[in-house]
Protein backbone atom coordinates (compact mmCIF):
# COMPACT_ATOMS: atom_id res chain seq x y z
CA MET A 1 102.78 206.78 101.95
CA LYS A 2 103.80 203.13 101.66
CA THR A 3 107.42 202.26 101.13
CA HIS A 4 108.47 199.20 99.22
CA VAL A 5 111.17 197.21 101.02
CA LYS A 6 112.91 194.55 98.95
CA ALA A 7 113.07 191.09 100.47
CA LYS A 8 116.54 189.98 101.61
CA PRO A 9 116.52 186.20 101.31
CA TYR A 10 120.32 185.73 101.39
CA SER A 11 122.09 185.61 104.76
CA CYS A 12 125.79 185.82 105.60
CA PRO A 13 126.67 182.45 107.20
CA ASP A 14 129.21 184.18 109.46
CA CYS A 15 127.24 187.03 110.98
CA GLY A 16 123.67 186.57 109.76
CA LYS A 17 123.42 189.87 107.87
CA LYS A 18 120.85 189.71 105.05
CA PHE A 19 121.17 190.76 101.42
CA ILE A 20 118.91 191.00 98.40
CA ASN A 21 121.47 189.40 96.09
CA GLU A 22 123.75 186.40 96.58
CA SER A 23 126.70 188.20 94.98
CA TYR A 24 126.51 190.87 97.69
CA ILE A 25 127.28 188.17 100.28
CA GLN A 26 130.56 187.31 98.54
CA ILE A 27 131.60 190.97 98.66
CA HIS A 28 130.42 191.36 102.26
CA GLN A 29 132.33 188.26 103.45
CA ARG A 30 135.60 189.94 102.55
CA ILE A 31 135.04 191.95 105.73
CA HIS A 32 135.30 188.68 107.70
CA THR A 33 138.18 187.14 105.74
CA GLY A 34 140.14 190.39 105.33
CA GLU A 35 140.44 189.72 101.61
CA LYS A 36 141.20 192.73 99.45
CA PRO A 37 141.63 191.21 96.00
CA PHE A 38 141.69 194.51 94.09
CA LEU A 39 145.20 195.96 94.38
CA CYS A 40 146.30 199.40 93.22
CA SER A 41 149.12 199.03 90.70
CA GLN A 42 150.59 202.36 91.81
CA CYS A 43 150.83 201.98 95.58
CA GLY A 44 149.80 198.37 96.28
CA ARG A 45 146.86 199.28 98.51
CA GLY A 46 144.09 196.66 98.54
CA PHE A 47 140.32 197.11 98.27
CA HIS A 48 137.28 194.92 98.82
CA THR A 49 135.56 195.95 95.58
CA ALA A 50 136.58 196.94 92.06
CA SER A 51 134.62 200.19 92.32
CA SER A 52 136.56 201.21 95.44
CA LEU A 53 139.82 200.57 93.59
CA LYS A 54 138.63 202.61 90.62
CA LEU A 55 137.80 205.58 92.83
CA HIS A 56 141.17 205.26 94.59
CA GLU A 57 143.10 205.18 91.29
CA MET A 58 141.61 208.55 90.40
CA GLN A 59 143.65 210.01 93.26
CA HIS A 60 146.83 208.97 91.42
CA SER A 61 145.67 209.98 87.95
CA GLY A 62 143.78 213.12 88.95
CA GLU A 63 140.97 211.88 86.73
CA ARG A 64 137.57 213.50 87.10
CA PRO A 65 134.90 211.59 85.18
CA TYR A 66 132.49 213.26 82.77
CA CYS A 67 132.75 217.05 82.75
CA GLY A 68 135.41 217.61 85.38
CA LYS A 69 133.11 218.96 88.07
CA SER A 70 133.98 217.58 91.49
CA PHE A 71 131.82 216.98 94.53
CA ILE A 72 132.41 216.34 98.21
CA TYR A 73 129.59 213.81 98.53
CA ARG A 74 128.89 210.87 96.24
CA GLN A 75 125.16 211.54 96.32
CA GLY A 76 125.81 215.00 94.89
CA LEU A 77 127.86 213.43 92.09
CA ARG A 78 125.11 210.88 91.36
CA GLN A 79 122.50 213.64 91.11
CA HIS A 80 124.78 215.68 88.86
CA GLN A 81 125.48 212.69 86.58
CA ARG A 82 121.79 212.56 85.72
CA THR A 83 122.29 215.78 83.77
CA HIS A 84 124.68 213.86 81.46
CA ALA A 85 122.23 210.98 81.17
CA GLY A 86 119.37 213.36 80.30
CA LYS A 87 117.47 212.63 83.50
CA GLN A 88 115.71 215.21 85.61
CA THR A 89 117.14 215.94 89.03
CA PRO A 90 115.13 217.16 91.98
CA ALA A 91 115.24 220.90 92.34
CA LYS A 92 117.62 222.22 94.98
CA THR A 93 116.34 224.27 97.82
CA SER A 94 117.61 227.82 98.04
CA ASP A 95 119.92 226.94 100.95
CA GLN A 96 121.37 223.70 99.47
CA SER A 97 124.45 223.96 97.23
CA GLU A 98 125.98 221.27 95.00
CA ASN A 99 128.59 220.43 97.60
CA GLU A 100 126.25 220.43 100.56
CA LYS A 101 125.57 217.11 102.23
CA PRO A 102 122.15 215.68 101.29
CA PRO A 103 119.96 215.50 104.38
CA PHE A 104 119.65 211.68 104.27
CA LEU A 105 123.44 210.96 104.24
CA HIS A 106 125.53 210.49 107.36
CA SER A 107 129.09 211.77 107.19
CA CYS A 108 132.14 210.67 109.18
CA SER A 109 133.53 213.64 111.10
CA VAL A 110 137.05 212.14 110.99
CA CYS A 111 137.61 211.26 107.32
CA GLY A 112 134.54 212.73 105.59
CA LYS A 113 133.27 209.42 104.22
CA ASP A 114 129.48 209.38 103.85
CA PHE A 115 127.03 206.58 104.64
CA PRO A 116 123.35 206.07 103.78
CA TYR A 117 122.52 204.70 107.25
CA ALA A 118 123.45 205.87 110.72
CA SER A 119 124.19 202.27 111.76
CA LYS A 120 126.82 201.95 109.03
CA LEU A 121 128.41 205.22 110.10
CA GLN A 122 128.46 203.98 113.69
CA ARG A 123 130.32 200.82 112.67
CA HIS A 124 132.72 202.85 110.55
CA LEU A 125 133.55 205.23 113.42
CA ARG A 126 134.92 202.28 115.38
CA THR A 127 137.76 202.02 112.85
CA HIS A 128 138.88 205.45 114.06
CA SER A 129 138.10 205.16 117.76
CA GLY A 130 139.23 201.58 118.21
CA GLU A 131 136.01 200.88 120.11
CA ARG A 132 135.15 197.20 120.54
CA PRO A 133 131.72 197.06 122.15
CA PHE A 134 131.16 193.30 121.74
CA PRO A 135 133.00 191.37 124.50
CA CYS A 136 133.52 187.63 124.51
CA SER A 137 131.81 186.08 127.53
CA MET A 138 134.50 183.39 127.81
CA CYS A 139 137.72 185.41 127.49
CA GLU A 140 138.87 189.02 127.57
CA LYS A 141 138.76 189.64 123.82
CA ARG A 142 136.48 192.31 122.38
CA PHE A 143 135.29 192.93 118.82
CA PRO A 144 134.02 195.90 116.80
CA GLU A 145 131.24 193.86 115.13
CA LYS A 146 128.78 191.28 116.41
CA GLY A 147 129.49 188.97 113.46
CA LEU A 148 133.21 188.86 114.33
CA LEU A 149 132.32 188.00 117.92
CA MET A 150 130.10 185.12 116.73
CA ILE A 151 132.98 183.66 114.69
CA HIS A 152 135.40 184.07 117.61
CA GLU A 153 133.08 182.32 120.08
CA ARG A 154 133.35 179.17 117.98
CA VAL A 155 136.97 178.97 119.15
CA HIS A 156 135.62 178.29 122.65
CA THR A 157 132.64 176.14 121.71
CA GLY A 158 134.61 174.12 119.15
CA GLU A 159 131.78 174.59 116.67
CA LYS A 160 132.97 174.20 113.08
CA PRO A 161 129.87 174.21 110.89
CA PHE A 162 131.67 174.48 107.54
CA PRO A 163 133.13 171.14 106.29
CA CYS A 164 135.72 170.79 103.53
CA THR A 165 134.43 168.58 100.70
CA PHE A 166 138.00 167.48 99.85
CA CYS A 167 139.16 166.33 103.29
CA GLU A 168 137.80 165.84 106.81
CA LYS A 169 138.67 169.32 108.08
CA ARG A 170 135.96 171.70 109.32
CA PHE A 171 136.06 175.44 109.86
CA ALA A 172 134.42 178.05 112.06
CA SER A 173 133.66 180.43 109.19
CA GLN A 174 132.97 180.16 105.49
CA GLY A 175 135.81 182.58 104.79
CA GLU A 176 138.32 180.23 106.43
CA LEU A 177 136.90 177.33 104.44
CA ARG A 178 137.21 179.25 101.17
CA LEU A 179 140.88 179.99 101.85
CA HIS A 180 141.51 176.36 102.86
CA ARG A 181 139.92 174.97 99.69
CA ARG A 182 142.63 176.67 97.67
CA THR A 183 145.19 174.30 99.22
CA HIS A 184 143.31 171.47 97.47
CA THR A 185 142.40 173.15 94.19
CA GLY A 186 145.72 174.95 93.75
CA GLU A 187 143.77 178.15 92.98
CA ARG A 188 145.94 181.27 93.08
CA PRO A 189 143.69 184.19 92.16
CA TYR A 190 146.08 187.02 93.08
CA HIS A 191 148.59 187.75 90.32
CA CYS A 192 151.65 189.97 90.36
CA SER A 193 151.45 192.22 87.29
CA ILE A 194 155.24 192.65 87.25
CA CYS A 195 156.63 189.08 87.34
CA LEU A 196 153.39 187.08 86.76
CA LYS A 197 153.75 185.10 90.02
CA SER A 198 150.42 184.12 91.56
CA PHE A 199 149.28 183.72 95.17
CA SER A 200 146.39 182.16 97.07
CA ARG A 201 145.96 185.09 99.48
CA HIS A 202 145.99 188.80 98.83
CA TRP A 203 148.38 189.56 101.70
CA HIS A 204 150.89 187.10 100.23
CA LEU A 205 150.83 189.20 97.05
CA LYS A 206 151.24 192.40 99.05
CA THR A 207 154.22 190.96 100.93
CA HIS A 208 155.70 189.83 97.60
CA LEU A 209 155.33 193.34 96.12
CA GLU A 210 156.99 194.91 99.16
CA ALA A 211 159.84 192.39 99.18
CA MET A 212 160.58 191.97 95.47
CA HIS A 213 159.30 195.05 93.63
CA SER A 214 159.55 197.95 96.10
CA GLU A 215 161.83 199.82 93.70
CA VAL A 216 159.21 199.51 90.92
CA VAL A 217 155.93 199.99 92.79
CA ALA A 218 155.52 203.56 93.98
CA GLY A 219 154.70 203.91 97.65
CA PHE A 220 156.52 200.75 98.74
CA THR A 221 159.73 200.99 100.72
CA ARG A 222 161.51 197.77 101.45
CA LYS A 223 161.63 197.21 105.18
CA LYS A 224 164.02 194.65 106.58
CA PHE A 225 163.25 192.48 109.60
CA PRO A 226 166.56 191.29 111.10
CA CYS A 227 166.83 188.04 113.03
CA SER A 228 168.17 188.49 116.58
CA ASP A 229 169.81 185.04 116.54
CA CYS A 230 171.73 185.21 113.26
CA GLU A 231 172.67 187.69 110.53
CA LYS A 232 169.70 186.92 108.27
CA SER A 233 167.21 189.69 107.43
CA CYS A 234 163.68 188.88 106.29
CA ASN A 235 161.33 190.83 104.05
CA SER A 236 158.29 190.66 106.35
CA ALA A 237 157.37 190.04 109.97
CA ALA A 238 155.67 186.78 108.94
CA GLU A 239 158.80 185.58 107.14
CA LEU A 240 160.90 186.45 110.21
CA ARG A 241 158.50 184.53 112.47
CA ASP A 242 158.81 181.46 110.24
CA HIS A 243 162.59 181.80 110.09
CA GLN A 244 162.99 182.05 113.89
CA ARG A 245 161.50 178.56 114.23
CA THR A 246 164.73 177.24 112.73
CA HIS A 247 166.41 178.49 115.92
CA THR A 248 163.72 177.58 118.45
CA GLY A 249 162.76 174.23 116.91
CA GLU A 250 159.10 175.15 117.32
CA ARG A 251 156.69 173.08 115.19
CA PRO A 252 153.19 174.48 115.81
CA TYR A 253 151.43 172.80 112.87
CA GLN A 254 150.35 169.19 113.53
CA CYS A 255 149.06 166.78 110.92
CA SER A 256 145.43 165.84 111.54
CA PHE A 257 146.10 162.32 110.21
CA CYS A 258 149.36 161.36 111.99
CA ASP A 259 151.66 162.61 114.76
CA LYS A 260 154.02 164.61 112.55
CA ARG A 261 154.47 168.32 113.28
CA PHE A 262 155.82 171.09 111.06
CA ALA A 263 157.31 174.56 111.43
CA LEU A 264 155.45 175.99 108.41
CA SER A 265 151.77 175.80 107.55
CA GLY A 266 152.60 175.29 103.86
CA THR A 267 154.71 172.24 104.70
CA LEU A 268 151.78 170.79 106.65
CA VAL A 269 149.40 171.36 103.72
CA ARG A 270 151.74 169.54 101.33
CA HIS A 271 152.29 166.70 103.82
CA GLU A 272 148.57 166.11 104.36
CA ARG A 273 148.14 165.49 100.64
CA LEU A 274 150.08 162.25 101.23
CA HIS A 275 147.15 161.14 103.39
CA THR A 276 144.30 162.53 101.30
CA GLY A 277 145.77 161.56 97.93
CA ILE A 278 144.81 164.98 96.52
CA THR A 279 146.99 165.98 93.56
CA PRO A 280 145.90 169.45 92.42
CA TYR A 281 148.78 170.13 90.00
CA HIS A 282 148.24 168.75 86.47
CA CYS A 283 150.75 168.29 83.66
CA SER A 284 149.29 169.86 80.51
CA ASP A 285 151.37 167.55 78.28
CA CYS A 286 150.61 164.08 79.64
CA GLY A 287 147.83 164.62 82.21
CA LYS A 288 149.85 163.28 85.15
CA THR A 289 148.95 164.89 88.47
CA PHE A 290 151.12 165.88 91.43
CA ALA A 291 150.63 166.86 95.06
CA GLN A 292 153.18 169.68 94.99
CA GLN A 293 154.00 172.49 92.59
CA TRP A 294 157.76 171.78 92.55
CA THR A 295 157.24 168.12 91.59
CA LEU A 296 155.16 169.26 88.61
CA THR A 297 157.87 171.78 87.66
CA THR A 298 160.53 169.05 87.84
CA HIS A 299 158.32 166.63 85.88
CA MET A 300 157.74 169.20 83.09
CA ARG A 301 161.47 169.13 82.41
CA THR A 302 161.10 165.52 81.23
CA HIS A 303 159.01 166.95 78.38
CA THR A 304 161.15 170.02 77.66
CA GLY A 305 164.52 168.31 78.15
CA GLU A 306 165.62 171.17 80.39
CA LYS A 307 168.40 170.34 82.90
CA PRO A 308 169.16 173.60 84.72
CA TYR A 309 171.38 172.14 87.47
CA SER A 310 174.93 171.60 86.19
CA CYS A 311 177.86 169.96 87.95
CA THR A 312 180.85 172.33 88.31
CA GLN A 313 183.33 169.44 88.19
CA CYS A 314 182.09 167.63 85.09
CA ASP A 315 179.74 168.28 82.17
CA LYS A 316 176.70 166.48 83.62
CA SER A 317 173.40 168.32 84.18
CA PHE A 318 170.28 167.38 86.14
CA VAL A 319 166.58 168.26 86.28
CA ALA A 320 166.44 168.70 90.08
CA PRO A 321 168.84 170.11 92.71
CA GLY A 322 168.61 166.89 94.76
CA GLU A 323 169.98 164.87 91.84
CA LEU A 324 172.91 167.27 91.49
CA ARG A 325 173.59 167.12 95.24
CA ARG A 326 173.73 163.30 95.17
CA HIS A 327 175.92 163.32 92.07
CA THR A 328 178.41 165.78 93.61
CA ARG A 329 179.25 163.19 96.29
CA ILE A 330 180.93 161.10 93.56
CA HIS A 331 183.50 163.90 93.22
CA THR A 332 183.80 164.82 96.90
CA GLY A 333 183.70 161.26 98.26
CA GLU A 334 181.26 162.41 100.94
CA LYS A 335 179.41 159.56 102.67
CA PRO A 336 177.04 161.15 105.19
CA TYR A 337 174.95 158.03 105.97
CA THR A 338 176.38 155.63 108.57
CA CYS A 339 175.16 152.17 109.54
CA GLY A 340 174.52 152.05 113.26
CA ASP A 341 175.33 148.31 113.43
CA CYS A 342 178.64 147.99 111.60
CA GLY A 343 179.79 151.60 111.14
CA ARG A 344 179.91 151.43 107.37
CA HIS A 345 179.39 154.70 105.48
CA PHE A 346 177.25 155.35 102.38
CA SER A 347 176.71 158.28 100.06
CA LEU A 348 172.95 157.69 99.64
CA ALA A 349 170.20 157.17 102.22
CA GLY A 350 168.61 154.50 100.01
CA THR A 351 171.85 152.53 99.87
CA LEU A 352 172.11 152.54 103.66
CA LYS A 353 168.50 151.34 103.88
CA ASN A 354 169.23 148.43 101.55
CA HIS A 355 172.43 147.59 103.46
CA PHE A 356 170.63 147.56 106.82
CA ARG A 357 168.46 144.68 105.61
CA LEU A 358 171.57 142.48 105.67
CA HIS A 359 171.52 142.92 109.45
CA THR A 360 167.76 142.55 109.94
CA GLY A 361 167.15 139.81 107.37
CA GLU A 362 164.20 141.76 105.99
CA ARG A 363 163.07 140.78 102.47
CA PRO A 364 160.40 143.31 101.43
CA TYR A 365 160.44 142.51 97.71
CA GLY A 366 158.33 139.42 97.04
CA CYS A 367 157.85 137.59 93.76
CA GLU A 368 154.12 137.55 92.92
CA VAL A 369 154.58 134.31 90.97
CA CYS A 370 156.37 132.05 93.46
CA GLY A 371 156.34 134.14 96.65
CA ARG A 372 160.11 134.20 97.08
CA GLY A 373 161.44 137.24 98.99
CA PHE A 374 164.44 139.49 98.29
CA SER A 375 166.16 142.27 100.16
CA ARG A 376 166.72 144.43 97.08
CA SER A 377 164.49 145.34 94.16
CA GLN A 378 167.27 144.60 91.64
CA SER A 379 167.56 141.04 93.00
CA LEU A 380 163.83 140.60 92.43
CA ARG A 381 164.16 141.89 88.87
CA LEU A 382 166.94 139.40 88.15
CA HIS A 383 164.81 136.59 89.64
CA LYS A 384 161.78 137.48 87.51
CA ARG A 385 163.69 136.61 84.38
CA LYS A 386 163.27 132.95 85.40
CA HIS A 387 159.49 133.25 85.07
CA GLU A 388 159.72 135.29 81.88
CA GLN A 389 161.90 132.57 80.25
CA THR A 390 159.97 130.86 77.45
CA HIS A 391 162.49 128.11 76.51
CA PRO A 392 162.50 125.12 78.90
CA GLU A 393 166.02 124.14 77.93
CA GLU A 394 167.32 127.39 79.37
CA GLU A 395 165.56 126.94 82.72
CA GLY A 396 168.53 125.17 84.31
CA GLU A 397 170.89 127.95 83.33
CA GLU A 398 168.40 130.62 84.43
CA SER A 399 167.77 128.88 87.75
CA ALA A 400 171.46 128.81 88.47
CA PHE A 401 171.69 132.49 87.60
CA ASP A 402 168.71 133.25 89.84
CA ALA A 403 170.25 131.29 92.70
CA ARG A 404 173.43 133.31 92.32
CA SER A 405 171.43 136.58 92.39
CA ASP A 406 169.64 135.45 95.51
CA ASP A 407 172.97 134.55 97.12
CA LEU A 408 174.27 138.00 96.23
CA SER A 409 171.22 139.64 97.79
CA GLN A 410 171.92 137.92 101.11
CA SER A 411 175.72 137.75 101.02
CA GLY A 412 178.14 139.58 103.24
CA ASP A 413 179.86 142.90 102.75
CA ASN A 414 182.30 141.53 100.16
CA SER A 415 179.62 140.64 97.61
CA PRO A 416 179.92 142.33 94.20
CA ILE A 417 176.57 144.07 94.63
CA ASN A 418 177.46 145.44 98.05
CA MET A 419 180.85 146.59 96.83
CA CYS A 420 179.16 148.48 94.00
CA ILE A 421 176.57 150.06 96.28
CA GLY A 422 178.84 151.38 98.99
CA ASP A 423 182.54 151.13 99.80
CA LYS A 424 183.89 150.92 103.32
CA SER A 425 185.14 154.17 104.71
CA ASP A 426 188.85 154.61 105.09
């Protein structure tokens, strides 16, 4: 008897496994990436497929589909379901009961899970035994699957066959590329059903549920990870690892465009957008785009009028915490920025930068009309009024005014502008 074998034209780019449908590859690749996008709302456990989640949720609800009959093996259930659909089922042999394993299924002796092929059962058994039969020829690492070994070997060979279409980065696997692309697109497909926060990776959502909603989500117990160097406790091992870099000064993430290094991968991602010019966050009101989520959030307040950061010493409010922090120095008199040449103190970094040009003679603000240079942007603005003047009879007066503004921009510490910008420390 001839058997009809369907062609499998679609291959996994990571391990080479073939499939009859392109959508099966997307599901299969979650094995390589570790993605489990379908989370149980009761216990937070993640699953590769929606059907696996549905079966798992029945354990919480006690639901038994159709007539309530239950079966040990899925094949037995499928055969039984044909009776509800009005389809004929093959007759059972006298020695085969409803709950007996069909002869063509292979069952795991540890957990009872059944598989249609012996090869799949063999791979599954390694999750119990910890067996890793595929060794790397270049280091001591071993892997449970050949496809995982192939991806790992690219660490040694440097092969990165998957390029990012947004930037110049390349990746060893398509799964890594897919996760990286979300840093450009801003995609956050994993949503918390309790507080509506969204995340780019499923394990970020799981960590969030454990840290923030353990008292709501059954099966989660909040576990604290204390820092050995200070009194801080973190909600996850990953958060603790990131925090400890504040003590060690470690900066393992280097920018691929410049020499800057960062303690957190997220900080590196945001920094690299300065080089690439990618702005994935869009304002729905005016269409303006931003490189970071927080800058969009702050910008949105210009539309809503919201000013959530209030000064405790006066009635002023601000859209961003940095604005409030700078304003507070008016009340405290704090001047944390010191000129290394003359010892003068300033409350703002920008004011110190402007002041330092008095020592260097730098004039970075040039007039595009006449080419004249100024050390401060406000001096340039005052000068531009000369060119904007339409009445010739006022040119003499304006020129004198412009000359005075230029003198102010280059004058010593006692100039009115300098005295307004920063006072000498006591």
